[in-house]
Protein backbone atom coordinates (compact mmCIF):
# COMPACT_ATOMS: atom_id res chain seq x y z
CA MET A 1 -171.38 156.68 164.13
CA THR A 2 -172.24 154.52 161.07
CA PRO A 3 -169.49 154.38 157.83
CA ALA A 4 -172.09 156.36 156.21
CA THR A 5 -172.36 159.27 158.35
CA THR A 6 -168.75 159.44 159.03
CA ARG A 7 -168.74 159.73 155.12
CA ARG A 8 -171.45 161.94 154.74
CA ALA A 9 -169.52 163.85 157.51
CA LEU A 10 -166.03 163.96 156.13
CA LEU A 11 -167.99 164.64 152.84
CA ALA A 12 -169.29 167.94 154.31
CA GLY A 13 -166.07 169.28 155.39
CA ILE A 14 -162.66 167.90 152.30
CA PRO A 15 -164.54 170.82 149.96
CA HIS A 16 -163.84 173.48 151.74
CA LEU A 17 -160.03 172.68 152.47
CA LEU A 18 -159.99 171.82 148.66
CA ALA A 19 -161.75 175.37 147.47
CA PHE A 20 -159.38 177.20 148.98
CA ALA A 21 -156.54 175.53 148.29
CA PRO A 22 -155.75 177.62 145.21
CA VAL A 23 -156.07 180.73 146.79
CA ILE A 24 -153.66 179.48 149.18
CA VAL A 25 -151.19 178.20 146.95
CA VAL A 26 -151.05 181.25 144.29
CA LEU A 27 -150.99 183.69 147.78
CA ALA A 28 -147.64 181.58 149.81
CA ALA A 29 -146.01 181.39 145.86
CA ALA A 30 -146.70 183.63 143.54
CA GLY A 31 -143.97 185.94 145.34
CA ASN A 32 -143.33 189.32 143.37
CA GLY A 33 -146.26 188.85 141.09
CA LEU A 34 -148.57 190.08 143.62
CA PRO A 35 -148.15 193.44 145.75
CA ASP A 36 -147.89 194.00 149.34
CA PRO A 37 -150.38 194.90 150.50
CA ILE A 38 -152.66 193.64 148.18
CA ALA A 39 -156.17 194.83 146.99
CA SER A 40 -158.73 192.61 149.54
CA HIS A 41 -161.92 194.10 149.06
CA PHE A 42 -163.89 195.87 145.94
CA GLY A 43 -166.58 197.82 145.91
CA PHE A 44 -169.71 197.49 143.57
CA SER A 45 -167.96 198.55 140.56
CA GLY A 46 -164.92 196.40 141.10
CA GLY A 47 -162.49 198.49 141.45
CA ALA A 48 -160.30 198.30 144.72
CA ASP A 49 -161.41 200.11 147.74
CA GLY A 50 -159.26 198.30 150.69
CA TYR A 51 -156.75 196.67 151.16
CA ALA A 52 -154.64 193.89 153.68
CA SER A 53 -150.87 192.40 153.62
CA ARG A 54 -150.67 189.11 151.45
CA GLY A 55 -149.82 187.29 155.14
CA THR A 56 -153.33 188.19 156.33
CA VAL A 57 -155.38 187.34 153.20
CA LEU A 58 -153.37 183.94 153.73
CA ALA A 59 -154.13 183.67 157.49
CA LEU A 60 -157.90 184.52 156.08
CA ALA A 61 -158.05 181.90 153.58
CA VAL A 62 -156.45 179.17 155.94
CA ALA A 63 -158.50 179.91 158.86
CA LEU A 64 -162.15 180.24 156.34
CA ALA A 65 -160.53 176.82 154.90
CA VAL A 66 -159.94 175.08 158.52
CA GLY A 67 -163.04 176.68 160.39
CA LEU A 68 -165.75 176.29 157.48
CA ALA A 69 -164.53 172.27 157.06
CA LEU A 70 -164.79 171.52 160.69
CA LEU A 71 -168.19 172.95 161.21
CA PHE A 72 -169.58 171.47 158.48
CA TYR A 73 -167.87 168.06 158.94
CA LEU A 74 -169.30 168.63 163.10
CA VAL A 75 -172.51 169.41 161.71
CA ALA A 76 -172.99 166.86 159.23
CA ARG A 77 -171.64 163.96 161.85
CA LEU A 78 -173.94 164.78 164.60
CA GLY A 79 -176.76 166.25 163.08
CA GLY A 80 -176.26 162.67 161.30
CA ALA A 81 -176.03 160.28 164.39
CA ARG A 82 -179.95 159.49 163.88
CA SER A 83 -181.49 157.55 161.14
CA ALA A 84 -184.18 159.20 159.33
CA PRO A 85 -186.41 157.60 156.07
CA VAL A 86 -184.78 157.80 152.31
CA SER A 87 -185.94 160.53 149.90
CA LYS A 88 -186.14 162.11 146.57
CA TRP A 89 -184.91 165.12 149.28
CA ASP A 90 -182.84 163.51 151.84
CA THR A 91 -181.71 166.64 154.19
CA ARG A 92 -178.40 164.85 155.29
CA ARG A 93 -177.36 164.59 151.54
CA LEU A 94 -178.86 168.33 151.01
CA LEU A 95 -176.54 169.45 153.95
CA VAL A 96 -173.66 168.28 152.05
CA GLY A 97 -174.49 169.80 148.97
CA MET A 98 -175.24 173.13 150.96
CA SER A 99 -171.50 172.55 152.06
CA TRP A 100 -170.34 171.50 148.92
CA ALA A 101 -172.01 174.76 147.26
CA THR A 102 -170.57 177.06 149.75
CA ALA A 103 -167.29 176.27 149.41
CA GLY A 104 -167.67 176.57 145.57
CA LEU A 105 -168.90 180.18 146.00
CA LEU A 106 -166.69 181.20 148.18
CA GLY A 107 -163.48 179.68 146.81
CA VAL A 108 -164.05 181.01 143.00
CA VAL A 109 -165.05 185.25 144.56
CA LEU A 110 -161.49 184.74 146.81
CA LEU A 111 -159.77 183.54 144.19
CA GLY A 112 -160.96 186.00 141.85
CA SER A 113 -160.34 188.47 143.72
CA VAL A 114 -156.77 187.55 144.49
CA VAL A 115 -156.01 186.86 140.62
CA ALA A 116 -157.17 190.55 140.29
CA ASN A 117 -153.91 191.64 141.91
CA LEU A 118 -151.82 189.21 139.86
CA GLY A 119 -148.67 190.92 137.74
CA LEU A 120 -149.53 194.58 139.21
CA THR A 121 -147.17 196.89 141.31
CA ASP A 122 -149.64 199.09 142.61
CA ALA A 123 -152.70 197.32 143.94
CA ALA A 124 -154.88 200.71 143.40
CA THR A 125 -155.53 199.37 139.90
CA ALA A 126 -156.91 196.18 140.70
CA VAL A 127 -160.09 195.32 139.26
CA LEU A 128 -162.18 192.61 140.43
CA PRO A 129 -163.24 190.26 137.18
CA TRP A 130 -166.31 190.77 136.11
CA TRP A 131 -166.91 187.04 135.87
CA THR A 132 -166.41 186.39 139.38
CA PHE A 133 -169.65 186.36 140.39
CA PRO A 134 -171.64 184.60 137.67
CA LEU A 135 -168.76 181.82 138.31
CA GLY A 136 -169.25 181.43 141.80
CA LEU A 137 -172.82 180.74 141.52
CA PHE A 138 -172.27 178.24 138.93
CA ALA A 139 -169.34 176.35 140.94
CA ALA A 140 -171.85 176.73 143.74
CA ALA A 141 -174.47 174.77 141.86
CA VAL A 142 -172.77 172.07 140.03
CA ALA A 143 -170.73 171.88 143.51
CA GLY A 144 -173.84 171.52 145.39
CA ALA A 145 -175.53 169.45 143.03
CA VAL A 146 -171.95 166.89 142.56
CA GLY A 147 -171.78 166.58 146.66
CA TRP A 148 -175.66 165.74 146.84
CA LEU A 149 -175.02 162.60 144.20
CA VAL A 150 -171.98 161.04 145.84
CA THR A 151 -173.13 161.29 149.14
CA PRO A 152 -174.82 158.45 150.16
CA SER A 153 -178.63 157.91 150.90
CA THR A 154 -179.52 158.30 154.70
CA PRO A 155 -181.04 154.77 156.35
CA GLN A 156 -184.68 154.16 156.31
CA ALA A 157 -186.59 154.16 159.71
CA GLY A 158 -189.90 155.53 159.73
CA GLU A 159 -193.44 155.08 160.37
CA GLU A 160 -196.83 156.16 160.08
CA PRO A 161 -199.48 158.08 162.22
CA GLU A 162 -200.32 156.80 165.13
CA GLY A 163 -204.08 158.30 166.44
CA VAL A 164 -204.63 159.09 169.78
CA VAL A 165 -208.00 159.00 172.56
CA GLY A 166 -208.26 162.24 173.47
CA VAL A 167 -208.57 163.87 177.12
CA PRO A 168 -212.08 164.14 178.31
CA LEU A 169 -213.51 167.62 178.85
CA GLY A 170 -216.41 169.30 180.19
CA PRO A 171 -218.01 172.41 178.95
CA THR A 172 -216.32 174.65 181.69
CA GLU A 173 -213.33 173.31 182.21
CA ARG A 174 -209.83 174.66 180.39
CA ILE A 175 -206.33 172.85 179.45
CA SER A 176 -203.50 173.81 178.31
CA TRP A 177 -200.31 172.86 176.84
CA SER A 178 -196.89 174.05 175.47
CA ARG A 179 -193.76 173.38 174.46
CA THR A 180 -190.67 175.30 173.17
CA VAL A 181 -188.87 173.24 170.56
CA GLY A 182 -185.44 174.42 168.95
CA SER A 183 -182.31 172.27 166.85
CA PRO A 184 -178.93 173.58 168.45
CA TRP A 185 -177.69 172.68 164.38
CA LEU A 186 -180.17 174.77 162.52
CA THR A 187 -179.34 177.51 164.61
CA LEU A 188 -175.32 176.99 164.24
CA GLY A 189 -175.60 175.79 160.26
CA GLY A 190 -177.67 179.30 159.98
CA GLY A 191 -175.13 181.13 162.13
CA ALA A 192 -172.26 179.54 159.92
CA LEU A 193 -174.02 180.74 156.93
CA ALA A 194 -174.09 184.00 158.08
CA VAL A 195 -170.75 184.40 159.00
CA ALA A 196 -169.50 183.30 155.89
CA GLY A 197 -171.27 185.43 154.12
CA GLY A 198 -170.41 188.18 156.40
CA ALA A 199 -166.92 187.78 155.85
CA LEU A 200 -166.69 187.65 152.57
CA GLY A 201 -168.94 190.99 152.18
CA VAL A 202 -165.73 192.51 154.42
CA ALA A 203 -163.36 190.43 152.78
CA VAL A 204 -164.24 190.99 149.10
CA ASN A 205 -166.98 193.00 147.80
CA PRO A 206 -170.34 193.34 149.87
CA VAL A 207 -172.81 191.57 146.92
CA ALA A 208 -170.75 188.59 147.75
CA GLY A 209 -171.76 187.47 150.62
CA VAL A 210 -174.94 189.27 151.00
CA GLY A 211 -177.31 185.87 149.64
CA ALA A 212 -175.33 183.69 152.62
CA GLY A 213 -175.74 186.04 155.11
CA LEU A 214 -179.53 186.45 154.56
CA ALA A 215 -179.90 182.87 154.21
CA GLY A 216 -178.33 182.14 157.44
CA VAL A 217 -180.00 184.41 159.41
CA ALA A 218 -183.50 183.55 158.11
CA VAL A 219 -182.32 179.68 159.33
CA ALA A 220 -180.85 180.65 162.43
CA PHE A 221 -184.01 182.73 162.99
CA LEU A 222 -186.16 179.87 162.34
CA SER A 223 -184.58 177.67 164.40
CA ARG A 224 -187.35 177.31 167.02
CA ALA A 225 -190.76 177.33 167.47
CA ARG A 226 -193.39 177.56 170.68
CA VAL A 227 -196.56 175.14 170.02
CA THR A 228 -199.60 175.69 172.24
CA VAL A 229 -202.68 173.47 172.37
CA ASP A 230 -205.93 175.03 174.61
CA ARG A 231 -209.32 175.18 173.64
CA ARG A 232 -209.25 177.30 170.83
CA GLY A 233 -206.77 174.47 169.01
CA LEU A 234 -203.05 174.15 167.47
CA THR A 235 -200.86 177.61 167.46
CA ILE A 236 -197.60 177.44 166.40
CA ALA A 237 -195.45 180.31 166.58
CA LEU A 238 -192.13 180.58 164.64
CA GLY A 239 -189.00 182.38 165.50
CA LEU A 240 -187.42 184.26 168.37
CA LEU A 241 -190.06 186.83 167.47
CA GLY A 242 -192.97 183.83 167.83
CA TRP A 243 -193.74 185.22 163.97
CA PRO A 244 -195.30 184.26 161.89
CA ARG A 245 -197.87 181.62 163.48
CA LEU A 246 -199.27 179.11 162.03
CA ARG A 247 -202.81 178.39 163.50
CA VAL A 248 -205.69 175.33 163.36
CA ARG A 249 -209.06 176.30 165.15
CA ALA A 250 -210.43 173.25 167.39
CA ASP A 251 -213.21 173.26 164.91
CA ASP A 252 -211.26 172.69 161.86
CA VAL A 253 -209.11 169.46 163.14
CA VAL A 254 -210.79 166.34 161.94
CA SER A 255 -207.86 163.94 163.99
CA VAL A 256 -204.89 163.75 165.45
CA ALA A 257 -202.21 161.52 165.54
CA VAL A 258 -198.29 161.56 166.22
CA ALA A 259 -195.40 160.41 164.27
CA HIS A 260 -192.08 159.95 163.94
CA ILE A 261 -190.98 162.38 161.56
CA SER A 262 -187.97 163.45 159.52
CA PRO A 263 -187.26 166.72 157.57
CA ALA A 264 -186.36 164.12 154.81
CA GLN A 265 -190.14 163.59 154.08
CA PHE A 266 -190.92 167.36 153.39
CA GLY A 267 -187.49 168.63 152.03
CA GLY A 268 -185.82 170.01 154.72
CA TRP A 269 -186.36 172.60 157.47
CA GLY A 270 -188.60 175.19 158.98
CA TYR A 271 -191.26 175.58 157.50
CA ARG A 272 -192.72 173.61 154.98
CA VAL A 273 -195.28 173.09 152.32
CA VAL A 274 -195.81 170.12 150.52
CA PRO A 275 -198.43 168.34 148.61
CA GLY A 276 -201.26 167.27 151.12
CA GLY A 277 -200.27 170.02 153.88
CA ARG A 278 -197.71 171.77 156.05
CA GLY A 279 -195.30 171.37 158.37
CA VAL A 280 -192.67 173.12 160.99
CA ILE A 281 -190.09 170.81 160.54
CA ILE A 282 -187.31 171.88 163.48
CA ARG A 283 -185.50 168.59 164.33
CA SER A 284 -186.27 165.22 163.19
CA GLY A 285 -187.79 162.96 165.58
CA PRO A 286 -191.53 162.70 167.39
CA ALA A 287 -193.90 165.00 165.51
CA LEU A 288 -198.37 165.90 166.28
CA VAL A 289 -199.45 165.43 163.15
CA VAL A 290 -203.49 167.40 162.54
CA THR A 291 -205.92 167.05 159.74
CA ARG A 292 -207.70 169.49 159.18
CA ARG A 293 -211.30 169.60 157.58
CA ALA A 294 -210.60 170.22 153.85
CA GLY A 295 -207.89 167.20 154.48
CA GLN A 296 -204.49 168.75 154.47
CA ARG A 297 -202.13 167.93 157.19
CA VAL A 298 -200.56 170.09 159.56
CA THR A 299 -197.39 168.28 160.84
CA VAL A 300 -194.75 170.11 164.12
CA THR A 301 -191.90 168.12 165.22
CA VAL A 302 -191.83 168.83 168.71
CA ASP A 303 -191.56 166.87 172.44
CA ASP A 304 -194.16 164.89 174.20
CA PRO A 305 -196.77 165.30 171.36
CA GLU A 306 -198.62 162.12 172.70
CA THR A 307 -199.77 164.39 174.96
CA ALA A 308 -200.39 167.65 172.80
CA ALA A 309 -202.32 165.06 170.80
CA GLY A 310 -204.46 163.92 173.54
CA VAL A 311 -205.10 167.62 174.32
CA LEU A 312 -205.66 168.52 171.03
CA ALA A 313 -208.33 165.16 170.28
CA GLY A 314 -209.89 166.86 173.24
CA VAL A 315 -211.22 170.03 172.95
CA ALA A 316 -211.80 169.03 169.18
CA THR A 317 -215.22 167.26 170.67
CA PRO A 318 -217.97 169.58 170.15
CA GLU A 319 -217.90 169.09 174.57
CA GLY A 320 -214.36 170.38 174.20
CA ARG A 321 -214.87 173.79 172.61
CA PRO A 322 -215.05 176.77 173.64
CA CYS A 323 -218.84 177.98 174.18
């Protein structure tokens, strides 16, 4: 691990400890300033509709602080083991920014739910302040931007696509190649967001966790893809259900190449649309790069792209296409 990788990992984990610190201090030091039990869950109108002991809420805050800090630390540390090209959208810096944004949102919302109980003798009269969610979103935006700015860039290690020689095929020959590519860290990151959103929705307010929960589910769902090359061309089936799908017909292929790709080059993971093409970027590493007749490139990260490129280049010739 390089010093920059370690620094990124620490920067990804520490904000959660800091964001939950005010909540923990208020719960531990408020004494008679808080009722017991306190209002821990609020309905859409802001009124209290769920209660828990101060000890339970304090334990939840500590568990979330430590758990999220450790999770984001590990994701940033293990995900930073490989170098990647520097880009305006350096995804490892974005990971830290996402961690800071999550910490900012959760910290403000949980603090608001505790502040709503201050000075009360009956928790049933607690009302979540109206400013809780707008301030939480503002804190998330500011914290995310600051996290991205203070994080060191990723070392450059990119390369240009290299052309390949097609596999010669006769008019009656059939050939097929297929691989599944997935990212356990992308799945873990999506799961972390989903869990954080669910915890926030259950502990505080249903609206509070919707955004993070849905984003987490989407990230986890699209953390794998099935790449197939046959006489019809290239097919990329996304997600656990193999949908949506991206197809490039054999007669639409102009050239095929392989390259080492980083998510930083596409502004993130998943299905990406960038100037000059599209990509299915599940992880950094080897990738298949296909240039279409219109000039756009389709890029997909996958193991053994050399074989896939050779097969696709072969079926893209007039002799290799279906009759």
